[in-house]
Amino acid sequence: MTLYHKAGVHHERLPYFLMRRLLLSAWYLLVPFGFFVSFCVGQGSKTAAAPDLARESQQALELAKAGHCKEALPLLRKAATRSAQRDLRRQAGFAGVRCAMLDVNPDKVTEFLRGLARDFPRDPEVLYLSVHTYSDLSTRAAQELATSAPNSPQAHELNAEALEMQGKWDEAEKEYQTVLQQGPRSPGIHFRLGRLILSRSNPAPDMAEQAKREFQQELEIDPNNAGAEYVLGELARQAQQWDEAIRRFTRVCKLDAGFGDAFLGLGSSLMSVKKFPEAIPPLETAVKLEPANPTAHYSLAVAYTRSGRKQEGEKEFAIHRQMMQKSQPTGAAAEPEPQSQGSPQ
């Protein structure tokens, strides 16, 4: 079936019978001939086009190597997407990334990187190039932000995040406070301050209360912040305040259906108050979202067993046991198997 037939396009019927018969006769003769001519011409053009594209690709690589990136980029783009030779496409992609970076053209950089990732998804050199290139693009954007708007809330927030990653808690806190001075209801800042308080290596005695105040303030600004709600639930769980933990984890699960840790926290909290059947659905969801999490499998195994579903419980215990054995270093003594009747505390 031709493309025209697939699209539902049909030749119009001529109104005159004799003319129709005459044209049909000519059509039967001309169509095979036309197809034959088109085939020959097409084959010839393809044969001619392949060497031309190969020559253009080599020319593009030579131009890029010589530093003529502006002239090379259009040819490199063509070679990276249309060349039939995989190695040539790969070389053109690498050269295109370098030239686009020199030309300070982020759009073209990401276009070449996407092409390389699509055609060579597990190539170590492609992955290495991607890591460094995206890092360089990020650094350039940060420098531009620092230069063009050094006193903006975004610049202070970015600086705070960098200081936080370096473990410079006091300096990071000052930067976050500066953001709040400029915009007291800036979303996300109280959450970051609460996270910072919990991350300190020498926490204050009232650390948990300080952090809770920050997360509560965050929820006043942004009631849908699942991260703040989750940490409050986790703090309540650690304090064995089960009702609050269950309430907060339940809300997180409604806010973010992909938050695996929240489903695990909800299931664990329900088990702590002996509500084993109620714990099964959130724990099953946690296992689906985080199949490589041994704690989720163990908790689900306990919930199954305590709910009388021993066969399903043993299956989850077996998965947990296999995961723990794989995580053991070679030659290390295996940890004793947890009792299938126990409840994690």
C-alpha atoms as a PDB file:
ATOM      1  CA  MET A   1       0.000   0.000   0.000  1.00  0.00           C
ATOM      2  CA  THR A   2       1.435   3.375  -1.004  1.00  0.00           C
ATOM      3  CA  LEU A   3       1.738   6.386   1.239  1.00  0.00           C
ATOM      4  CA  TYR A   4      -1.168   8.007  -0.580  1.00  0.00           C
ATOM      5  CA  HIS A   5      -3.455   5.062   0.100  1.00  0.00           C
ATOM      6  CA  LYS A   6      -2.456   5.001   3.779  1.00  0.00           C
ATOM      7  CA  ALA A   7      -3.296   8.682   4.056  1.00  0.00           C
ATOM      8  CA  GLY A   8      -6.657   8.107   2.439  1.00  0.00           C
ATOM      9  CA  VAL A   9      -5.797  10.110  -0.708  1.00  0.00           C
ATOM     10  CA  HIS A  10      -7.288   8.733  -3.943  1.00  0.00           C
ATOM     11  CA  HIS A  11      -7.076   9.934  -7.528  1.00  0.00           C
ATOM     12  CA  GLU A  12     -10.240  11.715  -8.672  1.00  0.00           C
ATOM     13  CA  ARG A  13     -12.483   9.788 -11.136  1.00  0.00           C
ATOM     14  CA  LEU A  14     -12.748  11.495 -14.540  1.00  0.00           C
ATOM     15  CA  PRO A  15     -16.292  12.254 -15.616  1.00  0.00           C
ATOM     16  CA  TYR A  16     -16.000  10.885 -19.112  1.00  0.00           C
ATOM     17  CA  PHE A  17     -15.963   7.133 -19.564  1.00  0.00           C
ATOM     18  CA  LEU A  18     -13.864   7.000 -22.752  1.00  0.00           C
ATOM     19  CA  MET A  19     -11.326   9.464 -21.425  1.00  0.00           C
ATOM     20  CA  ARG A  20     -11.151   7.421 -18.217  1.00  0.00           C
ATOM     21  CA  ARG A  21     -10.390   4.186 -20.130  1.00  0.00           C
ATOM     22  CA  LEU A  22      -7.756   5.934 -22.233  1.00  0.00           C
ATOM     23  CA  LEU A  23      -6.022   7.423 -19.240  1.00  0.00           C
ATOM     24  CA  LEU A  24      -6.143   4.157 -17.339  1.00  0.00           C
ATOM     25  CA  SER A  25      -4.461   2.367 -20.201  1.00  0.00           C
ATOM     26  CA  ALA A  26      -1.719   4.961 -20.281  1.00  0.00           C
ATOM     27  CA  TRP A  27      -1.468   4.823 -16.497  1.00  0.00           C
ATOM     28  CA  TYR A  28      -0.810   1.070 -16.470  1.00  0.00           C
ATOM     29  CA  LEU A  29       2.049   1.578 -18.895  1.00  0.00           C
ATOM     30  CA  LEU A  30       3.546   4.649 -17.298  1.00  0.00           C
ATOM     31  CA  VAL A  31       3.423   3.713 -13.621  1.00  0.00           C
ATOM     32  CA  PRO A  32       5.896   0.789 -13.799  1.00  0.00           C
ATOM     33  CA  PHE A  33       8.166   2.879 -16.005  1.00  0.00           C
ATOM     34  CA  GLY A  34       7.916   5.807 -13.585  1.00  0.00           C
ATOM     35  CA  PHE A  35       8.714   3.624 -10.608  1.00  0.00           C
ATOM     36  CA  PHE A  36      11.689   2.171 -12.477  1.00  0.00           C
ATOM     37  CA  VAL A  37      13.018   5.636 -13.326  1.00  0.00           C
ATOM     38  CA  SER A  38      12.476   6.889  -9.759  1.00  0.00           C
ATOM     39  CA  PHE A  39      14.247   3.855  -8.361  1.00  0.00           C
ATOM     40  CA  CYS A  40      17.247   4.324 -10.646  1.00  0.00           C
ATOM     41  CA  VAL A  41      17.465   8.045  -9.972  1.00  0.00           C
ATOM     42  CA  GLY A  42      17.064   7.495  -6.229  1.00  0.00           C
ATOM     43  CA  GLN A  43      19.725   4.835  -6.128  1.00  0.00           C
ATOM     44  CA  GLY A  44      22.045   7.038  -8.097  1.00  0.00           C
ATOM     45  CA  SER A  45      21.455  10.047  -5.836  1.00  0.00           C
ATOM     46  CA  LYS A  46      22.018   7.941  -2.730  1.00  0.00           C
ATOM     47  CA  THR A  47      25.224   6.546  -4.150  1.00  0.00           C
ATOM     48  CA  ALA A  48      26.408  10.035  -4.984  1.00  0.00           C
ATOM     49  CA  ALA A  49      25.259  11.516  -1.690  1.00  0.00           C
ATOM     50  CA  ALA A  50      27.134   9.075   0.542  1.00  0.00           C
ATOM     51  CA  PRO A  51      30.656  10.072  -0.604  1.00  0.00           C
ATOM     52  CA  ASP A  52      29.641  13.741  -0.522  1.00  0.00           C
ATOM     53  CA  LEU A  53      28.470  13.451   3.091  1.00  0.00           C
ATOM     54  CA  ALA A  54      31.600  11.556   4.047  1.00  0.00           C
ATOM     55  CA  ARG A  55      33.766  14.269   2.455  1.00  0.00           C
ATOM     56  CA  GLU A  56      31.785  16.999   4.233  1.00  0.00           C
ATOM     57  CA  SER A  57      32.162  15.157   7.525  1.00  0.00           C
ATOM     58  CA  GLN A  58      35.916  14.869   7.141  1.00  0.00           C
ATOM     59  CA  GLN A  59      36.076  18.528   6.142  1.00  0.00           C
ATOM     60  CA  ALA A  60      34.091  19.454   9.260  1.00  0.00           C
ATOM     61  CA  LEU A  61      36.442  17.484  11.513  1.00  0.00           C
ATOM     62  CA  GLU A  62      39.481  19.132   9.931  1.00  0.00           C
ATOM     63  CA  LEU A  63      37.969  22.602  10.335  1.00  0.00           C
ATOM     64  CA  ALA A  64      37.174  21.901  13.994  1.00  0.00           C
ATOM     65  CA  LYS A  65      40.670  20.562  14.614  1.00  0.00           C
ATOM     66  CA  ALA A  66      42.149  23.702  13.086  1.00  0.00           C
ATOM     67  CA  GLY A  67      39.997  25.918  15.334  1.00  0.00           C
ATOM     68  CA  HIS A  68      37.551  27.127  12.658  1.00  0.00           C
ATOM     69  CA  CYS A  69      34.533  26.270  14.764  1.00  0.00           C
ATOM     70  CA  LYS A  70      32.028  28.720  13.271  1.00  0.00           C
ATOM     71  CA  GLU A  71      32.536  27.209   9.828  1.00  0.00           C
ATOM     72  CA  ALA A  72      32.639  23.676  11.194  1.00  0.00           C
ATOM     73  CA  LEU A  73      29.496  23.691  13.353  1.00  0.00           C
ATOM     74  CA  PRO A  74      26.864  23.448  10.567  1.00  0.00           C
ATOM     75  CA  LEU A  75      28.803  20.611   8.907  1.00  0.00           C
ATOM     76  CA  LEU A  76      29.397  18.840  12.230  1.00  0.00           C
ATOM     77  CA  ARG A  77      25.697  18.988  13.012  1.00  0.00           C
ATOM     78  CA  LYS A  78      24.906  17.406   9.663  1.00  0.00           C
ATOM     79  CA  ALA A  79      27.556  14.701  10.121  1.00  0.00           C
ATOM     80  CA  ALA A  80      26.479  13.912  13.689  1.00  0.00           C
ATOM     81  CA  THR A  81      22.865  13.308  12.643  1.00  0.00           C
ATOM     82  CA  ARG A  82      23.046  11.982   9.083  1.00  0.00           C
ATOM     83  CA  SER A  83      26.289  10.084   8.631  1.00  0.00           C
ATOM     84  CA  ALA A  84      25.821   6.355   8.076  1.00  0.00           C
ATOM     85  CA  GLN A  85      29.158   5.642   9.770  1.00  0.00           C
ATOM     86  CA  ARG A  86      28.782   5.327  13.546  1.00  0.00           C
ATOM     87  CA  ASP A  87      32.398   6.236  14.220  1.00  0.00           C
ATOM     88  CA  LEU A  88      32.081   9.359  12.085  1.00  0.00           C
ATOM     89  CA  ARG A  89      28.883  10.385  13.902  1.00  0.00           C
ATOM     90  CA  ARG A  90      30.668   9.900  17.215  1.00  0.00           C
ATOM     91  CA  GLN A  91      33.686  11.990  16.162  1.00  0.00           C
ATOM     92  CA  ALA A  92      31.398  14.709  14.827  1.00  0.00           C
ATOM     93  CA  GLY A  93      29.431  14.726  18.098  1.00  0.00           C
ATOM     94  CA  PHE A  94      32.572  15.140  20.204  1.00  0.00           C
ATOM     95  CA  ALA A  95      33.933  17.864  17.940  1.00  0.00           C
ATOM     96  CA  GLY A  96      30.525  19.554  17.928  1.00  0.00           C
ATOM     97  CA  VAL A  97      30.425  19.710  21.729  1.00  0.00           C
ATOM     98  CA  ARG A  98      33.893  21.269  21.890  1.00  0.00           C
ATOM     99  CA  CYS A  99      33.156  23.804  19.168  1.00  0.00           C
ATOM    100  CA  ALA A 100      29.768  24.766  20.604  1.00  0.00           C
ATOM    101  CA  MET A 101      31.387  25.310  24.019  1.00  0.00           C
ATOM    102  CA  LEU A 102      34.020  27.561  22.438  1.00  0.00           C
ATOM    103  CA  ASP A 103      31.236  29.372  20.582  1.00  0.00           C
ATOM    104  CA  VAL A 104      29.372  29.772  23.922  1.00  0.00           C
ATOM    105  CA  ASN A 105      26.231  28.234  22.484  1.00  0.00           C
ATOM    106  CA  PRO A 106      24.503  26.113  25.170  1.00  0.00           C
ATOM    107  CA  ASP A 107      21.632  25.126  22.858  1.00  0.00           C
ATOM    108  CA  LYS A 108      23.971  23.552  20.331  1.00  0.00           C
ATOM    109  CA  VAL A 109      26.037  21.956  23.113  1.00  0.00           C
ATOM    110  CA  THR A 110      23.028  20.160  24.545  1.00  0.00           C
ATOM    111  CA  GLU A 111      21.872  19.175  21.057  1.00  0.00           C
ATOM    112  CA  PHE A 112      25.182  17.413  20.370  1.00  0.00           C
ATOM    113  CA  LEU A 113      25.168  15.801  23.832  1.00  0.00           C
ATOM    114  CA  ARG A 114      21.626  14.502  23.330  1.00  0.00           C
ATOM    115  CA  GLY A 115      22.645  12.980  20.007  1.00  0.00           C
ATOM    116  CA  LEU A 116      25.659  11.250  21.558  1.00  0.00           C
ATOM    117  CA  ALA A 117      23.579   9.962  24.473  1.00  0.00           C
ATOM    118  CA  ARG A 118      20.969   8.604  22.063  1.00  0.00           C
ATOM    119  CA  ASP A 119      23.420   6.862  19.717  1.00  0.00           C
ATOM    120  CA  PHE A 120      26.025   5.791  22.311  1.00  0.00           C
ATOM    121  CA  PRO A 121      24.097   5.449  25.602  1.00  0.00           C
ATOM    122  CA  ARG A 122      26.691   3.432  27.561  1.00  0.00           C
ATOM    123  CA  ASP A 123      29.887   4.749  26.024  1.00  0.00           C
ATOM    124  CA  PRO A 124      32.215   5.709  28.943  1.00  0.00           C
ATOM    125  CA  GLU A 125      33.813   8.530  26.963  1.00  0.00           C
ATOM    126  CA  VAL A 126      30.407   9.970  26.085  1.00  0.00           C
ATOM    127  CA  LEU A 127      29.305   9.806  29.727  1.00  0.00           C
ATOM    128  CA  TYR A 128      32.581  11.404  30.862  1.00  0.00           C
ATOM    129  CA  LEU A 129      32.178  14.188  28.296  1.00  0.00           C
ATOM    130  CA  SER A 130      28.578  14.762  29.415  1.00  0.00           C
ATOM    131  CA  VAL A 131      29.527  15.049  33.093  1.00  0.00           C
ATOM    132  CA  HIS A 132      32.224  17.630  32.459  1.00  0.00           C
ATOM    133  CA  THR A 133      30.285  19.584  29.845  1.00  0.00           C
ATOM    134  CA  TYR A 134      27.135  19.946  31.960  1.00  0.00           C
ATOM    135  CA  SER A 135      29.350  20.873  34.905  1.00  0.00           C
ATOM    136  CA  ASP A 136      31.029  23.569  32.813  1.00  0.00           C
ATOM    137  CA  LEU A 137      27.649  24.888  31.664  1.00  0.00           C
ATOM    138  CA  SER A 138      26.488  25.017  35.278  1.00  0.00           C
ATOM    139  CA  THR A 139      29.629  26.893  36.321  1.00  0.00           C
ATOM    140  CA  ARG A 140      29.200  29.406  33.513  1.00  0.00           C
ATOM    141  CA  ALA A 141      25.574  30.037  34.475  1.00  0.00           C
ATOM    142  CA  ALA A 142      26.594  30.535  38.117  1.00  0.00           C
ATOM    143  CA  GLN A 143      29.301  32.997  37.085  1.00  0.00           C
ATOM    144  CA  GLU A 144      26.835  34.900  34.935  1.00  0.00           C
ATOM    145  CA  LEU A 145      24.377  35.065  37.853  1.00  0.00           C
ATOM    146  CA  ALA A 146      27.108  36.300  40.193  1.00  0.00           C
ATOM    147  CA  THR A 147      28.172  38.935  37.678  1.00  0.00           C
ATOM    148  CA  SER A 148      24.797  40.179  36.480  1.00  0.00           C
ATOM    149  CA  ALA A 149      22.804  39.984  39.763  1.00  0.00           C
ATOM    150  CA  PRO A 150      25.221  39.495  42.691  1.00  0.00           C
ATOM    151  CA  ASN A 151      22.762  40.759  45.328  1.00  0.00           C
ATOM    152  CA  SER A 152      19.715  38.894  44.092  1.00  0.00           C
ATOM    153  CA  PRO A 153      18.025  36.264  46.318  1.00  0.00           C
ATOM    154  CA  GLN A 154      18.958  33.625  43.755  1.00  0.00           C
ATOM    155  CA  ALA A 155      22.668  34.507  43.997  1.00  0.00           C
ATOM    156  CA  HIS A 156      22.597  34.317  47.802  1.00  0.00           C
ATOM    157  CA  GLU A 157      20.678  31.031  47.710  1.00  0.00           C
ATOM    158  CA  LEU A 158      23.125  29.508  45.245  1.00  0.00           C
ATOM    159  CA  ASN A 159      26.043  30.615  47.398  1.00  0.00           C
ATOM    160  CA  ALA A 160      24.354  29.144  50.483  1.00  0.00           C
ATOM    161  CA  GLU A 161      23.886  25.802  48.761  1.00  0.00           C
ATOM    162  CA  ALA A 162      27.573  25.715  47.795  1.00  0.00           C
ATOM    163  CA  LEU A 163      28.633  26.550  51.373  1.00  0.00           C
ATOM    164  CA  GLU A 164      26.266  23.905  52.722  1.00  0.00           C
ATOM    165  CA  MET A 165      27.834  21.261  50.487  1.00  0.00           C
ATOM    166  CA  GLN A 166      31.235  22.241  51.892  1.00  0.00           C
ATOM    167  CA  GLY A 167      29.989  21.817  55.453  1.00  0.00           C
ATOM    168  CA  LYS A 168      30.290  25.540  56.208  1.00  0.00           C
ATOM    169  CA  TRP A 169      27.058  25.635  58.167  1.00  0.00           C
ATOM    170  CA  ASP A 170      27.365  29.096  59.776  1.00  0.00           C
ATOM    171  CA  GLU A 171      28.235  30.837  56.511  1.00  0.00           C
ATOM    172  CA  ALA A 172      25.444  29.016  54.691  1.00  0.00           C
ATOM    173  CA  GLU A 173      22.942  30.010  57.382  1.00  0.00           C
ATOM    174  CA  LYS A 174      23.877  33.685  56.988  1.00  0.00           C
ATOM    175  CA  GLU A 175      23.270  33.483  53.244  1.00  0.00           C
ATOM    176  CA  TYR A 176      19.852  31.856  53.758  1.00  0.00           C
ATOM    177  CA  GLN A 177      18.954  34.524  56.330  1.00  0.00           C
ATOM    178  CA  THR A 178      19.894  37.196  53.775  1.00  0.00           C
ATOM    179  CA  VAL A 179      17.418  35.651  51.339  1.00  0.00           C
ATOM    180  CA  LEU A 180      14.702  35.779  54.004  1.00  0.00           C
ATOM    181  CA  GLN A 181      15.501  39.417  54.744  1.00  0.00           C
ATOM    182  CA  GLN A 182      14.909  40.233  51.077  1.00  0.00           C
ATOM    183  CA  GLY A 183      11.804  38.052  50.859  1.00  0.00           C
ATOM    184  CA  PRO A 184      10.387  36.754  54.174  1.00  0.00           C
ATOM    185  CA  ARG A 185       8.032  34.358  52.371  1.00  0.00           C
ATOM    186  CA  SER A 186      10.545  32.948  49.920  1.00  0.00           C
ATOM    187  CA  PRO A 187       9.546  29.293  49.352  1.00  0.00           C
ATOM    188  CA  GLY A 188      12.057  26.592  50.219  1.00  0.00           C
ATOM    189  CA  ILE A 189      14.369  28.667  52.437  1.00  0.00           C
ATOM    190  CA  HIS A 190      12.977  27.592  55.828  1.00  0.00           C
ATOM    191  CA  PHE A 191      13.158  23.995  54.610  1.00  0.00           C
ATOM    192  CA  ARG A 192      16.840  24.453  53.780  1.00  0.00           C
ATOM    193  CA  LEU A 193      17.490  26.060  57.159  1.00  0.00           C
ATOM    194  CA  GLY A 194      15.822  23.129  58.897  1.00  0.00           C
ATOM    195  CA  ARG A 195      17.874  20.692  56.859  1.00  0.00           C
ATOM    196  CA  LEU A 196      21.017  22.645  57.702  1.00  0.00           C
ATOM    197  CA  ILE A 197      20.256  22.462  61.454  1.00  0.00           C
ATOM    198  CA  LEU A 198      19.892  18.676  61.253  1.00  0.00           C
ATOM    199  CA  SER A 199      23.103  18.345  59.224  1.00  0.00           C
ATOM    200  CA  ARG A 200      25.439  20.042  61.710  1.00  0.00           C
ATOM    201  CA  SER A 201      28.194  17.804  63.077  1.00  0.00           C
ATOM    202  CA  ASN A 202      27.886  19.336  66.571  1.00  0.00           C
ATOM    203  CA  PRO A 203      24.134  19.864  66.965  1.00  0.00           C
ATOM    204  CA  ALA A 204      22.648  21.903  69.782  1.00  0.00           C
ATOM    205  CA  PRO A 205      20.610  20.115  72.499  1.00  0.00           C
ATOM    206  CA  ASP A 206      17.388  21.598  71.137  1.00  0.00           C
ATOM    207  CA  MET A 207      18.333  20.784  67.538  1.00  0.00           C
ATOM    208  CA  ALA A 208      15.124  18.858  66.822  1.00  0.00           C
ATOM    209  CA  GLU A 209      12.909  21.681  68.120  1.00  0.00           C
ATOM    210  CA  GLN A 210      14.809  24.292  66.099  1.00  0.00           C
ATOM    211  CA  ALA A 211      14.481  22.216  62.951  1.00  0.00           C
ATOM    212  CA  LYS A 212      10.770  21.567  63.572  1.00  0.00           C
ATOM    213  CA  ARG A 213      10.118  25.306  63.810  1.00  0.00           C
ATOM    214  CA  GLU A 214      11.799  25.867  60.450  1.00  0.00           C
ATOM    215  CA  PHE A 215       9.835  23.067  58.753  1.00  0.00           C
ATOM    216  CA  GLN A 216       6.572  24.310  60.257  1.00  0.00           C
ATOM    217  CA  GLN A 217       7.298  27.818  58.973  1.00  0.00           C
ATOM    218  CA  GLU A 218       7.993  26.323  55.550  1.00  0.00           C
ATOM    219  CA  LEU A 219       4.588  24.627  55.542  1.00  0.00           C
ATOM    220  CA  GLU A 220       2.931  27.941  56.439  1.00  0.00           C
ATOM    221  CA  ILE A 221       4.469  29.418  53.284  1.00  0.00           C
ATOM    222  CA  ASP A 222       4.121  26.320  51.101  1.00  0.00           C
ATOM    223  CA  PRO A 223       1.573  23.805  52.473  1.00  0.00           C
ATOM    224  CA  ASN A 224       2.409  21.370  49.678  1.00  0.00           C
ATOM    225  CA  ASN A 225       6.102  21.016  50.524  1.00  0.00           C
ATOM    226  CA  ALA A 226       6.302  17.218  50.817  1.00  0.00           C
ATOM    227  CA  GLY A 227       9.923  17.339  51.996  1.00  0.00           C
ATOM    228  CA  ALA A 228       9.141  19.486  55.036  1.00  0.00           C
ATOM    229  CA  GLU A 229       6.118  17.347  55.911  1.00  0.00           C
ATOM    230  CA  TYR A 230       8.198  14.180  55.600  1.00  0.00           C
ATOM    231  CA  VAL A 231      10.980  15.378  57.912  1.00  0.00           C
ATOM    232  CA  LEU A 232       8.406  16.408  60.520  1.00  0.00           C
ATOM    233  CA  GLY A 233       6.928  12.921  60.244  1.00  0.00           C
ATOM    234  CA  GLU A 234      10.355  11.342  60.645  1.00  0.00           C
ATOM    235  CA  LEU A 235      11.144  13.475  63.684  1.00  0.00           C
ATOM    236  CA  ALA A 236       7.822  12.415  65.199  1.00  0.00           C
ATOM    237  CA  ARG A 237       8.586   8.758  64.449  1.00  0.00           C
ATOM    238  CA  GLN A 238      12.000   9.000  66.106  1.00  0.00           C
ATOM    239  CA  ALA A 239      10.303  10.558  69.151  1.00  0.00           C
ATOM    240  CA  GLN A 240       7.754   7.680  69.111  1.00  0.00           C
ATOM    241  CA  GLN A 241       4.928  10.152  68.580  1.00  0.00           C
ATOM    242  CA  TRP A 242       3.081   7.636  66.444  1.00  0.00           C
ATOM    243  CA  ASP A 243      -0.172   9.494  65.826  1.00  0.00           C
ATOM    244  CA  GLU A 244       1.619  12.570  64.508  1.00  0.00           C
ATOM    245  CA  ALA A 245       4.013  10.443  62.462  1.00  0.00           C
ATOM    246  CA  ILE A 246       1.145   8.520  60.854  1.00  0.00           C
ATOM    247  CA  ARG A 247      -0.754  11.731  60.129  1.00  0.00           C
ATOM    248  CA  ARG A 248       2.230  13.451  58.520  1.00  0.00           C
ATOM    249  CA  PHE A 249       3.387  10.430  56.510  1.00  0.00           C
ATOM    250  CA  THR A 250      -0.164   9.916  55.245  1.00  0.00           C
ATOM    251  CA  ARG A 251      -0.264  13.501  54.011  1.00  0.00           C
ATOM    252  CA  VAL A 252       3.116  13.147  52.283  1.00  0.00           C
ATOM    253  CA  CYS A 253       1.864  10.070  50.441  1.00  0.00           C
ATOM    254  CA  LYS A 254      -1.078  12.114  49.161  1.00  0.00           C
ATOM    255  CA  LEU A 255       1.167  15.027  48.154  1.00  0.00           C
ATOM    256  CA  ASP A 256       3.737  12.883  46.348  1.00  0.00           C
ATOM    257  CA  ALA A 257       2.737   9.411  45.138  1.00  0.00           C
ATOM    258  CA  GLY A 258       6.363   8.636  44.225  1.00  0.00           C
ATOM    259  CA  PHE A 259       7.866   9.339  47.673  1.00  0.00           C
ATOM    260  CA  GLY A 260       9.014   5.822  48.607  1.00  0.00           C
ATOM    261  CA  ASP A 261      10.478   6.748  51.993  1.00  0.00           C
ATOM    262  CA  ALA A 262       7.166   8.290  53.054  1.00  0.00           C
ATOM    263  CA  PHE A 263       5.287   5.048  52.334  1.00  0.00           C
ATOM    264  CA  LEU A 264       7.960   3.130  54.252  1.00  0.00           C
ATOM    265  CA  GLY A 265       7.709   5.558  57.180  1.00  0.00           C
ATOM    266  CA  LEU A 266       3.932   5.239  57.206  1.00  0.00           C
ATOM    267  CA  GLY A 267       4.053   1.442  57.159  1.00  0.00           C
ATOM    268  CA  SER A 268       6.714   1.306  59.876  1.00  0.00           C
ATOM    269  CA  SER A 269       4.734   3.691  62.100  1.00  0.00           C
ATOM    270  CA  LEU A 270       1.564   1.636  61.663  1.00  0.00           C
ATOM    271  CA  MET A 271       3.460  -1.525  62.625  1.00  0.00           C
ATOM    272  CA  SER A 272       4.784   0.219  65.728  1.00  0.00           C
ATOM    273  CA  VAL A 273       1.201   0.551  66.964  1.00  0.00           C
ATOM    274  CA  LYS A 274       0.484  -3.076  65.976  1.00  0.00           C
ATOM    275  CA  LYS A 275      -1.680  -2.156  62.981  1.00  0.00           C
ATOM    276  CA  PHE A 276      -0.088  -4.793  60.761  1.00  0.00           C
ATOM    277  CA  PRO A 277      -2.873  -5.289  58.167  1.00  0.00           C
ATOM    278  CA  GLU A 278      -3.135  -1.499  57.692  1.00  0.00           C
ATOM    279  CA  ALA A 279       0.639  -1.331  57.218  1.00  0.00           C
ATOM    280  CA  ILE A 280       0.653  -3.725  54.271  1.00  0.00           C
ATOM    281  CA  PRO A 281      -0.643  -1.381  51.477  1.00  0.00           C
ATOM    282  CA  PRO A 282       1.869   1.438  52.094  1.00  0.00           C
ATOM    283  CA  LEU A 283       4.704  -1.089  52.500  1.00  0.00           C
ATOM    284  CA  GLU A 284       3.739  -2.817  49.239  1.00  0.00           C
ATOM    285  CA  THR A 285       3.888   0.590  47.571  1.00  0.00           C
ATOM    286  CA  ALA A 286       7.292   1.260  49.172  1.00  0.00           C
ATOM    287  CA  VAL A 287       8.630  -2.024  47.762  1.00  0.00           C
ATOM    288  CA  LYS A 288       7.325  -1.166  44.282  1.00  0.00           C
ATOM    289  CA  LEU A 289       8.867   2.307  44.402  1.00  0.00           C
ATOM    290  CA  GLU A 290      12.156   1.154  45.959  1.00  0.00           C
ATOM    291  CA  PRO A 291      12.666  -2.500  45.004  1.00  0.00           C
ATOM    292  CA  ALA A 292      16.354  -2.363  45.998  1.00  0.00           C
ATOM    293  CA  ASN A 293      15.620  -1.191  49.573  1.00  0.00           C
ATOM    294  CA  PRO A 294      16.140  -4.136  51.955  1.00  0.00           C
ATOM    295  CA  THR A 295      14.401  -2.350  54.847  1.00  0.00           C
ATOM    296  CA  ALA A 296      11.204  -2.079  52.790  1.00  0.00           C
ATOM    297  CA  HIS A 297      11.250  -5.817  52.023  1.00  0.00           C
ATOM    298  CA  TYR A 298      11.937  -6.729  55.661  1.00  0.00           C
ATOM    299  CA  SER A 299       9.185  -4.471  56.987  1.00  0.00           C
ATOM    300  CA  LEU A 300       6.710  -5.876  54.467  1.00  0.00           C
ATOM    301  CA  ALA A 301       7.753  -9.417  55.456  1.00  0.00           C
ATOM    302  CA  VAL A 302       6.996  -8.670  59.105  1.00  0.00           C
ATOM    303  CA  ALA A 303       3.650  -7.053  58.248  1.00  0.00           C
ATOM    304  CA  TYR A 304       2.645 -10.056  56.128  1.00  0.00           C
ATOM    305  CA  THR A 305       3.671 -12.540  58.827  1.00  0.00           C
ATOM    306  CA  ARG A 306       1.930 -10.685  61.646  1.00  0.00           C
ATOM    307  CA  SER A 307      -1.215 -10.468  59.510  1.00  0.00           C
ATOM    308  CA  GLY A 308      -1.282 -14.253  59.001  1.00  0.00           C
ATOM    309  CA  ARG A 309       0.034 -14.167  55.427  1.00  0.00           C
ATOM    310  CA  LYS A 310       3.053 -16.338  56.251  1.00  0.00           C
ATOM    311  CA  GLN A 311       3.791 -17.582  52.734  1.00  0.00           C
ATOM    312  CA  GLU A 312       4.043 -14.040  51.373  1.00  0.00           C
ATOM    313  CA  GLY A 313       6.069 -13.087  54.424  1.00  0.00           C
ATOM    314  CA  GLU A 314       8.590 -15.870  53.834  1.00  0.00           C
ATOM    315  CA  LYS A 315       8.950 -14.750  50.220  1.00  0.00           C
ATOM    316  CA  GLU A 316       9.821 -11.216  51.342  1.00  0.00           C
ATOM    317  CA  PHE A 317      12.186 -12.551  54.018  1.00  0.00           C
ATOM    318  CA  ALA A 318      13.953 -14.576  51.303  1.00  0.00           C
ATOM    319  CA  ILE A 319      14.334 -11.458  49.125  1.00  0.00           C
ATOM    320  CA  HIS A 320      15.697  -9.533  52.112  1.00  0.00           C
ATOM    321  CA  ARG A 321      18.134 -12.356  52.912  1.00  0.00           C
ATOM    322  CA  GLN A 322      19.424 -12.456  49.318  1.00  0.00           C
ATOM    323  CA  MET A 323      19.904  -8.692  49.279  1.00  0.00           C
ATOM    324  CA  MET A 324      21.836  -8.754  52.551  1.00  0.00           C
ATOM    325  CA  GLN A 325      24.051 -11.605  51.353  1.00  0.00           C
ATOM    326  CA  LYS A 326      24.885  -9.719  48.159  1.00  0.00           C
ATOM    327  CA  SER A 327      25.794  -6.630  50.160  1.00  0.00           C
ATOM    328  CA  GLN A 328      28.234  -8.586  52.363  1.00  0.00           C
ATOM    329  CA  PRO A 329      31.930  -8.228  51.428  1.00  0.00           C
ATOM    330  CA  THR A 330      33.531 -11.436  50.163  1.00  0.00           C
ATOM    331  CA  GLY A 331      34.633 -13.589  53.088  1.00  0.00           C
ATOM    332  CA  ALA A 332      32.705 -11.587  55.701  1.00  0.00           C
ATOM    333  CA  ALA A 333      30.519 -13.425  58.174  1.00  0.00           C
ATOM    334  CA  ALA A 334      26.837 -13.176  57.313  1.00  0.00           C
ATOM    335  CA  GLU A 335      24.551 -11.438  59.783  1.00  0.00           C
ATOM    336  CA  PRO A 336      22.060 -13.707  61.570  1.00  0.00           C
ATOM    337  CA  GLU A 337      18.668 -13.921  59.880  1.00  0.00           C
ATOM    338  CA  PRO A 338      16.111 -11.743  61.708  1.00  0.00           C
ATOM    339  CA  GLN A 339      13.256 -13.579  63.372  1.00  0.00           C
ATOM    340  CA  SER A 340      10.271 -13.677  61.029  1.00  0.00           C
ATOM    341  CA  GLN A 341       7.894 -13.111  63.972  1.00  0.00           C
ATOM    342  CA  GLY A 342       9.593  -9.950  65.161  1.00  0.00           C
ATOM    343  CA  SER A 343       8.522  -6.396  64.709  1.00  0.00           C
ATOM    344  CA  PRO A 344      11.030  -3.701  63.784  1.00  0.00           C
ATOM    345  CA  GLN A 345      11.285  -1.074  66.482  1.00  0.00           C
END
